[in-house]
PDB file of N, CA and C in Angstrom:
ATOM      1  N   UNK A   1    -116.636  54.032  -6.672  1.00  0.00           N
ATOM      2  CA  UNK A   1    -118.053  54.198  -6.948  1.00  0.00           C
ATOM      3  C   UNK A   1    -118.204  54.614  -8.419  1.00  0.00           C
ATOM      4  N   UNK A   2    -119.092  53.934  -9.114  1.00  0.00           N
ATOM      5  CA  UNK A   2    -119.328  54.245 -10.529  1.00  0.00           C
ATOM      6  C   UNK A   2    -120.008  55.603 -10.663  1.00  0.00           C
ATOM      7  N   UNK A   3    -119.641  56.340 -11.713  1.00  0.00           N
ATOM      8  CA  UNK A   3    -120.226  57.652 -11.968  1.00  0.00           C
ATOM      9  C   UNK A   3    -121.060  57.611 -13.244  1.00  0.00           C
ATOM     10  N   UNK A   4    -122.228  58.241 -13.197  1.00  0.00           N
ATOM     11  CA  UNK A   4    -123.112  58.360 -14.348  1.00  0.00           C
ATOM     12  C   UNK A   4    -123.326  59.840 -14.620  1.00  0.00           C
ATOM     13  N   UNK A   5    -123.201  60.225 -15.884  1.00  0.00           N
ATOM     14  CA  UNK A   5    -123.424  61.611 -16.292  1.00  0.00           C
ATOM     15  C   UNK A   5    -124.787  61.715 -16.959  1.00  0.00           C
ATOM     16  N   UNK A   6    -125.594  62.663 -16.498  1.00  0.00           N
ATOM     17  CA  UNK A   6    -126.918  62.902 -17.061  1.00  0.00           C
ATOM     18  C   UNK A   6    -127.008  64.350 -17.530  1.00  0.00           C
ATOM     19  N   UNK A   7    -127.351  64.533 -18.790  1.00  0.00           N
ATOM     20  CA  UNK A   7    -127.523  65.876 -19.351  1.00  0.00           C
ATOM     21  C   UNK A   7    -128.967  66.021 -19.816  1.00  0.00           C
ATOM     22  N   UNK A   8    -129.728  66.871 -19.146  1.00  0.00           N
ATOM     23  CA  UNK A   8    -131.124  67.095 -19.513  1.00  0.00           C
ATOM     24  C   UNK A   8    -131.204  68.324 -20.416  1.00  0.00           C
ATOM     25  N   UNK A   9    -131.767  68.125 -21.623  1.00  0.00           N
ATOM     26  CA  UNK A   9    -131.815  69.224 -22.575  1.00  0.00           C
ATOM     27  C   UNK A   9    -133.055  70.096 -22.413  1.00  0.00           C
ATOM     28  N   UNK A  10    -134.104  69.542 -21.824  1.00  0.00           N
ATOM     29  CA  UNK A  10    -135.296  70.360 -21.596  1.00  0.00           C
ATOM     30  C   UNK A  10    -136.036  69.865 -20.352  1.00  0.00           C
ATOM     31  N   UNK A  11    -136.993  70.671 -19.896  1.00  0.00           N
ATOM     32  CA  UNK A  11    -137.698  70.347 -18.661  1.00  0.00           C
ATOM     33  C   UNK A  11    -138.635  69.157 -18.831  1.00  0.00           C
ATOM     34  N   UNK A  12    -139.116  68.893 -20.046  1.00  0.00           N
ATOM     35  CA  UNK A  12    -139.968  67.716 -20.262  1.00  0.00           C
ATOM     36  C   UNK A  12    -139.172  66.435 -20.015  1.00  0.00           C
ATOM     37  N   UNK A  13    -137.955  66.376 -20.526  1.00  0.00           N
ATOM     38  CA  UNK A  13    -137.091  65.216 -20.306  1.00  0.00           C
ATOM     39  C   UNK A  13    -136.809  65.048 -18.806  1.00  0.00           C
ATOM     40  N   UNK A  14    -136.580  66.153 -18.120  1.00  0.00           N
ATOM     41  CA  UNK A  14    -136.341  66.120 -16.674  1.00  0.00           C
ATOM     42  C   UNK A  14    -137.586  65.632 -15.937  1.00  0.00           C
ATOM     43  N   UNK A  15    -138.756  66.110 -16.338  1.00  0.00           N
ATOM     44  CA  UNK A  15    -140.017  65.692 -15.727  1.00  0.00           C
ATOM     45  C   UNK A  15    -140.196  64.176 -15.835  1.00  0.00           C
ATOM     46  N   UNK A  16    -139.900  63.619 -17.005  1.00  0.00           N
ATOM     47  CA  UNK A  16    -140.060  62.185 -17.227  1.00  0.00           C
ATOM     48  C   UNK A  16    -139.130  61.355 -16.344  1.00  0.00           C
ATOM     49  N   UNK A  17    -137.982  61.918 -15.976  1.00  0.00           N
ATOM     50  CA  UNK A  17    -136.987  61.179 -15.196  1.00  0.00           C
ATOM     51  C   UNK A  17    -137.065  61.431 -13.688  1.00  0.00           C
ATOM     52  N   UNK A  18    -137.654  62.550 -13.269  1.00  0.00           N
ATOM     53  CA  UNK A  18    -137.639  62.912 -11.850  1.00  0.00           C
ATOM     54  C   UNK A  18    -138.521  61.980 -11.034  1.00  0.00           C
ATOM     55  N   UNK A  19    -138.025  61.595  -9.868  1.00  0.00           N
ATOM     56  CA  UNK A  19    -138.727  60.678  -8.967  1.00  0.00           C
ATOM     57  C   UNK A  19    -138.946  61.381  -7.618  1.00  0.00           C
ATOM     58  N   UNK A  20    -140.017  62.183  -7.493  1.00  0.00           N
ATOM     59  CA  UNK A  20    -140.239  62.958  -6.273  1.00  0.00           C
ATOM     60  C   UNK A  20    -140.665  62.139  -5.071  1.00  0.00           C
ATOM     61  N   UNK A  21    -141.076  60.891  -5.302  1.00  0.00           N
ATOM     62  CA  UNK A  21    -141.579  60.077  -4.191  1.00  0.00           C
ATOM     63  C   UNK A  21    -140.475  59.536  -3.301  1.00  0.00           C
ATOM     64  N   UNK A  22    -139.200  59.688  -3.690  1.00  0.00           N
ATOM     65  CA  UNK A  22    -138.112  59.348  -2.786  1.00  0.00           C
ATOM     66  C   UNK A  22    -137.915  60.510  -1.822  1.00  0.00           C
ATOM     67  N   UNK A  23    -137.598  60.204  -0.579  1.00  0.00           N
ATOM     68  CA  UNK A  23    -137.504  61.221   0.471  1.00  0.00           C
ATOM     69  C   UNK A  23    -136.646  62.416   0.061  1.00  0.00           C
ATOM     70  N   UNK A  24    -135.485  62.167  -0.539  1.00  0.00           N
ATOM     71  CA  UNK A  24    -134.601  63.257  -0.937  1.00  0.00           C
ATOM     72  C   UNK A  24    -134.620  63.489  -2.452  1.00  0.00           C
ATOM     73  N   UNK A  25    -135.568  62.852  -3.142  1.00  0.00           N
ATOM     74  CA  UNK A  25    -135.654  62.978  -4.589  1.00  0.00           C
ATOM     75  C   UNK A  25    -134.830  61.898  -5.266  1.00  0.00           C
ATOM     76  N   UNK A  26    -134.961  61.823  -6.574  1.00  0.00           N
ATOM     77  CA  UNK A  26    -134.212  60.846  -7.333  1.00  0.00           C
ATOM     78  C   UNK A  26    -134.449  61.015  -8.815  1.00  0.00           C
ATOM     79  N   UNK A  27    -133.701  60.283  -9.610  1.00  0.00           N
ATOM     80  CA  UNK A  27    -133.813  60.345 -11.064  1.00  0.00           C
ATOM     81  C   UNK A  27    -133.817  58.944 -11.657  1.00  0.00           C
ATOM     82  N   UNK A  28    -134.585  58.797 -12.724  1.00  0.00           N
ATOM     83  CA  UNK A  28    -134.605  57.557 -13.481  1.00  0.00           C
ATOM     84  C   UNK A  28    -133.571  57.675 -14.594  1.00  0.00           C
ATOM     85  N   UNK A  29    -132.761  56.647 -14.738  1.00  0.00           N
ATOM     86  CA  UNK A  29    -131.713  56.617 -15.758  1.00  0.00           C
ATOM     87  C   UNK A  29    -132.025  55.481 -16.728  1.00  0.00           C
ATOM     88  N   UNK A  30    -132.225  55.832 -17.988  1.00  0.00           N
ATOM     89  CA  UNK A  30    -132.451  54.797 -19.005  1.00  0.00           C
ATOM     90  C   UNK A  30    -131.124  54.111 -19.280  1.00  0.00           C
ATOM     91  N   UNK A  31    -131.113  52.791 -19.076  1.00  0.00           N
ATOM     92  CA  UNK A  31    -129.904  52.020 -19.300  1.00  0.00           C
ATOM     93  C   UNK A  31    -130.265  50.547 -19.438  1.00  0.00           C
ATOM     94  N   UNK A  32    -129.488  49.853 -20.231  1.00  0.00           N
ATOM     95  CA  UNK A  32    -129.678  48.400 -20.332  1.00  0.00           C
ATOM     96  C   UNK A  32    -128.631  47.671 -19.494  1.00  0.00           C
ATOM     97  N   UNK A  33    -127.759  48.434 -18.873  1.00  0.00           N
ATOM     98  CA  UNK A  33    -126.731  47.861 -18.009  1.00  0.00           C
ATOM     99  C   UNK A  33    -127.373  47.332 -16.729  1.00  0.00           C
ATOM    100  N   UNK A  34    -126.811  46.275 -16.172  1.00  0.00           N
ATOM    101  CA  UNK A  34    -127.377  45.660 -14.968  1.00  0.00           C
ATOM    102  C   UNK A  34    -126.768  46.278 -13.710  1.00  0.00           C
ATOM    103  N   UNK A  35    -127.635  46.650 -12.790  1.00  0.00           N
ATOM    104  CA  UNK A  35    -127.242  47.186 -11.489  1.00  0.00           C
ATOM    105  C   UNK A  35    -127.981  46.400 -10.414  1.00  0.00           C
ATOM    106  N   UNK A  36    -127.482  46.485  -9.194  1.00  0.00           N
ATOM    107  CA  UNK A  36    -128.105  45.793  -8.070  1.00  0.00           C
ATOM    108  C   UNK A  36    -128.829  46.806  -7.189  1.00  0.00           C
ATOM    109  N   UNK A  37    -129.932  46.366  -6.587  1.00  0.00           N
ATOM    110  CA  UNK A  37    -130.633  47.226  -5.631  1.00  0.00           C
ATOM    111  C   UNK A  37    -129.663  47.613  -4.521  1.00  0.00           C
ATOM    112  N   UNK A  38    -129.672  48.885  -4.160  1.00  0.00           N
ATOM    113  CA  UNK A  38    -128.808  49.377  -3.102  1.00  0.00           C
ATOM    114  C   UNK A  38    -127.410  49.753  -3.555  1.00  0.00           C
ATOM    115  N   UNK A  39    -127.086  49.503  -4.816  1.00  0.00           N
ATOM    116  CA  UNK A  39    -125.747  49.832  -5.319  1.00  0.00           C
ATOM    117  C   UNK A  39    -125.542  51.351  -5.283  1.00  0.00           C
ATOM    118  N   UNK A  40    -124.407  51.781  -4.766  1.00  0.00           N
ATOM    119  CA  UNK A  40    -124.081  53.206  -4.693  1.00  0.00           C
ATOM    120  C   UNK A  40    -123.548  53.709  -6.025  1.00  0.00           C
ATOM    121  N   UNK A  41    -124.005  54.901  -6.404  1.00  0.00           N
ATOM    122  CA  UNK A  41    -123.570  55.527  -7.643  1.00  0.00           C
ATOM    123  C   UNK A  41    -123.349  57.015  -7.411  1.00  0.00           C
ATOM    124  N   UNK A  42    -122.459  57.583  -8.193  1.00  0.00           N
ATOM    125  CA  UNK A  42    -122.252  59.038  -8.178  1.00  0.00           C
ATOM    126  C   UNK A  42    -122.855  59.582  -9.468  1.00  0.00           C
ATOM    127  N   UNK A  43    -123.617  60.654  -9.352  1.00  0.00           N
ATOM    128  CA  UNK A  43    -124.218  61.274 -10.535  1.00  0.00           C
ATOM    129  C   UNK A  43    -123.627  62.652 -10.771  1.00  0.00           C
ATOM    130  N   UNK A  44    -123.476  62.989 -12.032  1.00  0.00           N
ATOM    131  CA  UNK A  44    -123.153  64.344 -12.462  1.00  0.00           C
ATOM    132  C   UNK A  44    -124.337  64.774 -13.323  1.00  0.00           C
ATOM    133  N   UNK A  45    -125.161  65.679 -12.816  1.00  0.00           N
ATOM    134  CA  UNK A  45    -126.411  66.043 -13.461  1.00  0.00           C
ATOM    135  C   UNK A  45    -126.337  67.469 -13.983  1.00  0.00           C
ATOM    136  N   UNK A  46    -126.587  67.620 -15.281  1.00  0.00           N
ATOM    137  CA  UNK A  46    -126.666  68.953 -15.880  1.00  0.00           C
ATOM    138  C   UNK A  46    -128.131  69.221 -16.189  1.00  0.00           C
ATOM    139  N   UNK A  47    -128.676  70.245 -15.555  1.00  0.00           N
ATOM    140  CA  UNK A  47    -130.075  70.611 -15.744  1.00  0.00           C
ATOM    141  C   UNK A  47    -130.224  71.459 -17.008  1.00  0.00           C
ATOM    142  N   UNK A  48    -131.442  71.563 -17.542  1.00  0.00           N
ATOM    143  CA  UNK A  48    -131.657  72.376 -18.734  1.00  0.00           C
ATOM    144  C   UNK A  48    -131.144  73.808 -18.534  1.00  0.00           C
ATOM    145  N   UNK A  49    -130.444  74.318 -19.520  1.00  0.00           N
ATOM    146  CA  UNK A  49    -129.893  75.683 -19.525  1.00  0.00           C
ATOM    147  C   UNK A  49    -128.814  75.929 -18.477  1.00  0.00           C
ATOM    148  N   UNK A  50    -128.314  74.881 -17.824  1.00  0.00           N
ATOM    149  CA  UNK A  50    -127.240  75.048 -16.843  1.00  0.00           C
ATOM    150  C   UNK A  50    -125.888  74.928 -17.533  1.00  0.00           C
ATOM    151  N   UNK A  51    -124.909  75.618 -17.004  1.00  0.00           N
ATOM    152  CA  UNK A  51    -123.568  75.578 -17.576  1.00  0.00           C
ATOM    153  C   UNK A  51    -122.695  74.520 -16.914  1.00  0.00           C
ATOM    154  N   UNK A  52    -123.007  74.193 -15.677  1.00  0.00           N
ATOM    155  CA  UNK A  52    -122.193  73.228 -14.939  1.00  0.00           C
ATOM    156  C   UNK A  52    -123.062  72.098 -14.406  1.00  0.00           C
ATOM    157  N   UNK A  53    -122.454  70.941 -14.254  1.00  0.00           N
ATOM    158  CA  UNK A  53    -123.175  69.802 -13.687  1.00  0.00           C
ATOM    159  C   UNK A  53    -123.193  69.894 -12.166  1.00  0.00           C
ATOM    160  N   UNK A  54    -124.136  69.200 -11.584  1.00  0.00           N
ATOM    161  CA  UNK A  54    -124.296  69.165 -10.130  1.00  0.00           C
ATOM    162  C   UNK A  54    -124.021  67.735  -9.671  1.00  0.00           C
ATOM    163  N   UNK A  55    -123.069  67.559  -8.755  1.00  0.00           N
ATOM    164  CA  UNK A  55    -122.798  66.204  -8.264  1.00  0.00           C
ATOM    165  C   UNK A  55    -123.782  65.814  -7.157  1.00  0.00           C
ATOM    166  N   UNK A  56    -124.175  64.557  -7.171  1.00  0.00           N
ATOM    167  CA  UNK A  56    -125.022  64.017  -6.110  1.00  0.00           C
ATOM    168  C   UNK A  56    -124.751  62.519  -6.051  1.00  0.00           C
ATOM    169  N   UNK A  57    -124.748  61.975  -4.858  1.00  0.00           N
ATOM    170  CA  UNK A  57    -124.588  60.522  -4.753  1.00  0.00           C
ATOM    171  C   UNK A  57    -125.946  59.908  -4.454  1.00  0.00           C
ATOM    172  N   UNK A  58    -126.086  58.653  -4.835  1.00  0.00           N
ATOM    173  CA  UNK A  58    -127.352  57.986  -4.635  1.00  0.00           C
ATOM    174  C   UNK A  58    -127.194  56.485  -4.624  1.00  0.00           C
ATOM    175  N   UNK A  59    -128.335  55.825  -4.471  1.00  0.00           N
ATOM    176  CA  UNK A  59    -128.368  54.357  -4.475  1.00  0.00           C
ATOM    177  C   UNK A  59    -129.483  53.894  -5.399  1.00  0.00           C
ATOM    178  N   UNK A  60    -129.251  52.759  -6.032  1.00  0.00           N
ATOM    179  CA  UNK A  60    -130.269  52.175  -6.898  1.00  0.00           C
ATOM    180  C   UNK A  60    -131.452  51.748  -6.022  1.00  0.00           C
ATOM    181  N   UNK A  61    -132.620  52.329  -6.294  1.00  0.00           N
ATOM    182  CA  UNK A  61    -133.805  52.039  -5.493  1.00  0.00           C
ATOM    183  C   UNK A  61    -134.978  51.575  -6.355  1.00  0.00           C
ATOM    184  N   UNK A  62    -134.751  51.455  -7.660  1.00  0.00           N
ATOM    185  CA  UNK A  62    -135.815  51.081  -8.584  1.00  0.00           C
ATOM    186  C   UNK A  62    -135.149  50.436  -9.781  1.00  0.00           C
ATOM    187  N   UNK A  63    -135.670  49.339 -10.244  1.00  0.00           N
ATOM    188  CA  UNK A  63    -135.153  48.700 -11.450  1.00  0.00           C
ATOM    189  C   UNK A  63    -136.332  48.355 -12.352  1.00  0.00           C
ATOM    190  N   UNK A  64    -136.283  48.828 -13.589  1.00  0.00           N
ATOM    191  CA  UNK A  64    -137.258  48.437 -14.604  1.00  0.00           C
ATOM    192  C   UNK A  64    -136.504  47.565 -15.608  1.00  0.00           C
ATOM    193  N   UNK A  65    -136.703  46.258 -15.552  1.00  0.00           N
ATOM    194  CA  UNK A  65    -135.976  45.362 -16.444  1.00  0.00           C
ATOM    195  C   UNK A  65    -136.532  45.410 -17.860  1.00  0.00           C
ATOM    196  N   UNK A  66    -135.744  44.957 -18.785  1.00  0.00           N
ATOM    197  CA  UNK A  66    -136.189  44.882 -20.176  1.00  0.00           C
ATOM    198  C   UNK A  66    -137.418  43.980 -20.246  1.00  0.00           C
ATOM    199  N   UNK A  67    -138.439  44.410 -20.977  1.00  0.00           N
ATOM    200  CA  UNK A  67    -139.654  43.623 -21.119  1.00  0.00           C
ATOM    201  C   UNK A  67    -140.605  43.732 -19.943  1.00  0.00           C
ATOM    202  N   UNK A  68    -140.460  44.761 -19.107  1.00  0.00           N
ATOM    203  CA  UNK A  68    -141.335  44.927 -17.946  1.00  0.00           C
ATOM    204  C   UNK A  68    -142.788  45.062 -18.393  1.00  0.00           C
ATOM    205  N   UNK A  69    -143.710  44.620 -17.566  1.00  0.00           N
ATOM    206  CA  UNK A  69    -145.127  44.615 -17.914  1.00  0.00           C
ATOM    207  C   UNK A  69    -145.687  45.997 -18.225  1.00  0.00           C
ATOM    208  N   UNK A  70    -145.159  47.020 -17.583  1.00  0.00           N
ATOM    209  CA  UNK A  70    -145.698  48.359 -17.813  1.00  0.00           C
ATOM    210  C   UNK A  70    -145.202  48.967 -19.117  1.00  0.00           C
ATOM    211  N   UNK A  71    -144.381  48.251 -19.840  1.00  0.00           N
ATOM    212  CA  UNK A  71    -143.792  48.667 -21.122  1.00  0.00           C
ATOM    213  C   UNK A  71    -143.023  49.986 -21.025  1.00  0.00           C
ATOM    214  N   UNK A  72    -142.591  50.336 -19.830  1.00  0.00           N
ATOM    215  CA  UNK A  72    -141.756  51.518 -19.653  1.00  0.00           C
ATOM    216  C   UNK A  72    -140.343  51.240 -20.119  1.00  0.00           C
ATOM    217  N   UNK A  73    -139.540  52.292 -20.210  1.00  0.00           N
ATOM    218  CA  UNK A  73    -138.160  52.093 -20.653  1.00  0.00           C
ATOM    219  C   UNK A  73    -137.333  51.317 -19.629  1.00  0.00           C
ATOM    220  N   UNK A  74    -136.377  50.566 -20.122  1.00  0.00           N
ATOM    221  CA  UNK A  74    -135.455  49.817 -19.273  1.00  0.00           C
ATOM    222  C   UNK A  74    -134.546  50.809 -18.555  1.00  0.00           C
ATOM    223  N   UNK A  75    -134.333  50.600 -17.263  1.00  0.00           N
ATOM    224  CA  UNK A  75    -133.438  51.495 -16.545  1.00  0.00           C
ATOM    225  C   UNK A  75    -133.501  51.324 -15.044  1.00  0.00           C
ATOM    226  N   UNK A  76    -132.908  52.302 -14.361  1.00  0.00           N
ATOM    227  CA  UNK A  76    -132.838  52.271 -12.894  1.00  0.00           C
ATOM    228  C   UNK A  76    -133.272  53.614 -12.315  1.00  0.00           C
ATOM    229  N   UNK A  77    -133.839  53.548 -11.133  1.00  0.00           N
ATOM    230  CA  UNK A  77    -134.156  54.756 -10.374  1.00  0.00           C
ATOM    231  C   UNK A  77    -133.109  54.921  -9.300  1.00  0.00           C
ATOM    232  N   UNK A  78    -132.533  56.104  -9.247  1.00  0.00           N
ATOM    233  CA  UNK A  78    -131.495  56.377  -8.256  1.00  0.00           C
ATOM    234  C   UNK A  78    -132.045  57.375  -7.242  1.00  0.00           C
ATOM    235  N   UNK A  79    -132.127  56.945  -5.991  1.00  0.00           N
ATOM    236  CA  UNK A  79    -132.580  57.809  -4.906  1.00  0.00           C
ATOM    237  C   UNK A  79    -131.384  58.602  -4.393  1.00  0.00           C
ATOM    238  N   UNK A  80    -131.535  59.918  -4.293  1.00  0.00           N
ATOM    239  CA  UNK A  80    -130.457  60.760  -3.781  1.00  0.00           C
ATOM    240  C   UNK A  80    -130.219  60.447  -2.304  1.00  0.00           C
ATOM    241  N   UNK A  81    -128.947  60.366  -1.928  1.00  0.00           N
ATOM    242  CA  UNK A  81    -128.636  60.161  -0.512  1.00  0.00           C
ATOM    243  C   UNK A  81    -127.700  61.246   0.029  1.00  0.00           C
ATOM    244  N   UNK A  82    -127.028  61.953  -0.858  1.00  0.00           N
ATOM    245  CA  UNK A  82    -126.112  63.012  -0.417  1.00  0.00           C
ATOM    246  C   UNK A  82    -126.251  64.182  -1.392  1.00  0.00           C
ATOM    247  N   UNK A  83    -127.200  65.059  -1.089  1.00  0.00           N
ATOM    248  CA  UNK A  83    -127.570  66.147  -1.994  1.00  0.00           C
ATOM    249  C   UNK A  83    -127.096  67.490  -1.426  1.00  0.00           C
ATOM    250  N   UNK A  84    -125.789  67.625  -1.296  1.00  0.00           N
ATOM    251  CA  UNK A  84    -125.215  68.830  -0.684  1.00  0.00           C
ATOM    252  C   UNK A  84    -125.491  70.101  -1.477  1.00  0.00           C
ATOM    253  N   UNK A  85    -125.660  69.972  -2.789  1.00  0.00           N
ATOM    254  CA  UNK A  85    -125.868  71.158  -3.620  1.00  0.00           C
ATOM    255  C   UNK A  85    -127.342  71.400  -3.954  1.00  0.00           C
ATOM    256  N   UNK A  86    -128.238  70.753  -3.185  1.00  0.00           N
ATOM    257  CA  UNK A  86    -129.677  70.980  -3.295  1.00  0.00           C
ATOM    258  C   UNK A  86    -130.238  70.724  -4.690  1.00  0.00           C
ATOM    259  N   UNK A  87    -129.808  69.613  -5.301  1.00  0.00           N
ATOM    260  CA  UNK A  87    -130.299  69.255  -6.631  1.00  0.00           C
ATOM    261  C   UNK A  87    -131.811  69.085  -6.626  1.00  0.00           C
ATOM    262  N   UNK A  88    -132.339  68.425  -5.604  1.00  0.00           N
ATOM    263  CA  UNK A  88    -133.796  68.232  -5.543  1.00  0.00           C
ATOM    264  C   UNK A  88    -134.529  69.570  -5.598  1.00  0.00           C
ATOM    265  N   UNK A  89    -134.100  70.532  -4.825  1.00  0.00           N
ATOM    266  CA  UNK A  89    -134.754  71.845  -4.806  1.00  0.00           C
ATOM    267  C   UNK A  89    -134.657  72.525  -6.171  1.00  0.00           C
ATOM    268  N   UNK A  90    -133.521  72.390  -6.837  1.00  0.00           N
ATOM    269  CA  UNK A  90    -133.349  73.001  -8.157  1.00  0.00           C
ATOM    270  C   UNK A  90    -134.253  72.334  -9.187  1.00  0.00           C
ATOM    271  N   UNK A  91    -134.374  71.020  -9.113  1.00  0.00           N
ATOM    272  CA  UNK A  91    -135.261  70.300 -10.029  1.00  0.00           C
ATOM    273  C   UNK A  91    -136.705  70.723  -9.790  1.00  0.00           C
ATOM    274  N   UNK A  92    -137.121  70.760  -8.538  1.00  0.00           N
ATOM    275  CA  UNK A  92    -138.506  71.103  -8.236  1.00  0.00           C
ATOM    276  C   UNK A  92    -138.833  72.538  -8.636  1.00  0.00           C
ATOM    277  N   UNK A  93    -137.861  73.423  -8.550  1.00  0.00           N
ATOM    278  CA  UNK A  93    -138.078  74.795  -9.003  1.00  0.00           C
ATOM    279  C   UNK A  93    -138.281  74.817 -10.521  1.00  0.00           C
ATOM    280  N   UNK A  94    -137.452  74.071 -11.243  1.00  0.00           N
ATOM    281  CA  UNK A  94    -137.594  74.001 -12.704  1.00  0.00           C
ATOM    282  C   UNK A  94    -138.921  73.367 -13.118  1.00  0.00           C
ATOM    283  N   UNK A  95    -139.395  72.416 -12.341  1.00  0.00           N
ATOM    284  CA  UNK A  95    -140.611  71.693 -12.683  1.00  0.00           C
ATOM    285  C   UNK A  95    -141.861  72.250 -12.022  1.00  0.00           C
ATOM    286  N   UNK A  96    -141.751  73.362 -11.324  1.00  0.00           N
ATOM    287  CA  UNK A  96    -142.910  73.898 -10.607  1.00  0.00           C
ATOM    288  C   UNK A  96    -144.080  74.067 -11.573  1.00  0.00           C
ATOM    289  N   UNK A  97    -145.224  73.567 -11.150  1.00  0.00           N
ATOM    290  CA  UNK A  97    -146.415  73.626 -11.970  1.00  0.00           C
ATOM    291  C   UNK A  97    -146.642  72.373 -12.798  1.00  0.00           C
ATOM    292  N   UNK A  98    -145.583  71.674 -13.147  1.00  0.00           N
ATOM    293  CA  UNK A  98    -145.769  70.479 -13.978  1.00  0.00           C
ATOM    294  C   UNK A  98    -145.834  69.201 -13.156  1.00  0.00           C
ATOM    295  N   UNK A  99    -145.527  69.273 -11.876  1.00  0.00           N
ATOM    296  CA  UNK A  99    -145.530  68.064 -11.061  1.00  0.00           C
ATOM    297  C   UNK A  99    -146.930  67.522 -10.799  1.00  0.00           C
ATOM    298  N   UNK A 100    -147.958  68.344 -11.040  1.00  0.00           N
ATOM    299  CA  UNK A 100    -149.322  67.875 -10.870  1.00  0.00           C
ATOM    300  C   UNK A 100    -149.883  67.340 -12.181  1.00  0.00           C
ATOM    301  N   UNK A 101    -149.050  67.260 -13.196  1.00  0.00           N
ATOM    302  CA  UNK A 101    -149.465  66.787 -14.508  1.00  0.00           C
ATOM    303  C   UNK A 101    -149.924  65.338 -14.427  1.00  0.00           C
ATOM    304  N   UNK A 102    -150.833  64.987 -15.305  1.00  0.00           N
ATOM    305  CA  UNK A 102    -151.303  63.602 -15.393  1.00  0.00           C
ATOM    306  C   UNK A 102    -150.490  62.806 -16.396  1.00  0.00           C
ATOM    307  N   UNK A 103    -149.533  63.445 -17.042  1.00  0.00           N
ATOM    308  CA  UNK A 103    -148.693  62.758 -18.024  1.00  0.00           C
ATOM    309  C   UNK A 103    -147.836  61.702 -17.330  1.00  0.00           C
ATOM    310  N   UNK A 104    -147.779  60.530 -17.928  1.00  0.00           N
ATOM    311  CA  UNK A 104    -146.996  59.434 -17.374  1.00  0.00           C
ATOM    312  C   UNK A 104    -145.511  59.761 -17.430  1.00  0.00           C
ATOM    313  N   UNK A 105    -144.783  59.336 -16.393  1.00  0.00           N
ATOM    314  CA  UNK A 105    -143.334  59.478 -16.383  1.00  0.00           C
ATOM    315  C   UNK A 105    -142.716  58.117 -16.698  1.00  0.00           C
ATOM    316  N   UNK A 106    -141.403  58.032 -16.640  1.00  0.00           N
ATOM    317  CA  UNK A 106    -140.742  56.763 -16.898  1.00  0.00           C
ATOM    318  C   UNK A 106    -140.937  55.757 -15.771  1.00  0.00           C
ATOM    319  N   UNK A 107    -141.512  56.199 -14.652  1.00  0.00           N
ATOM    320  CA  UNK A 107    -141.637  55.304 -13.506  1.00  0.00           C
ATOM    321  C   UNK A 107    -143.084  55.071 -13.082  1.00  0.00           C
ATOM    322  N   UNK A 108    -143.868  56.106 -12.997  1.00  0.00           N
ATOM    323  CA  UNK A 108    -145.265  55.955 -12.529  1.00  0.00           C
ATOM    324  C   UNK A 108    -146.176  56.771 -13.426  1.00  0.00           C
TER     325      UNK A 108
END
């Protein structure tokens, strides 16, 4: 299984990538590399101000191709499927209060 490392330097960057509409949460990864829907991936996610990364496995559930009509960044959305270390809960705690923002994210 391919592994992707994500290092978020601040909560704004995390907000832009977080995908709360997936049942267990998910993250958008900016990439020009081609992936297939349903492809399994392992993530190593370092949250802002964290010293260690958090592992989570997921599947590609969203693809924004280059030149997409919404002019969003090229990349993939990865839906969490095995979140043993409660990454979703940690992200939502960091983003508490900003999830009701009207600011556009990389996905919606």
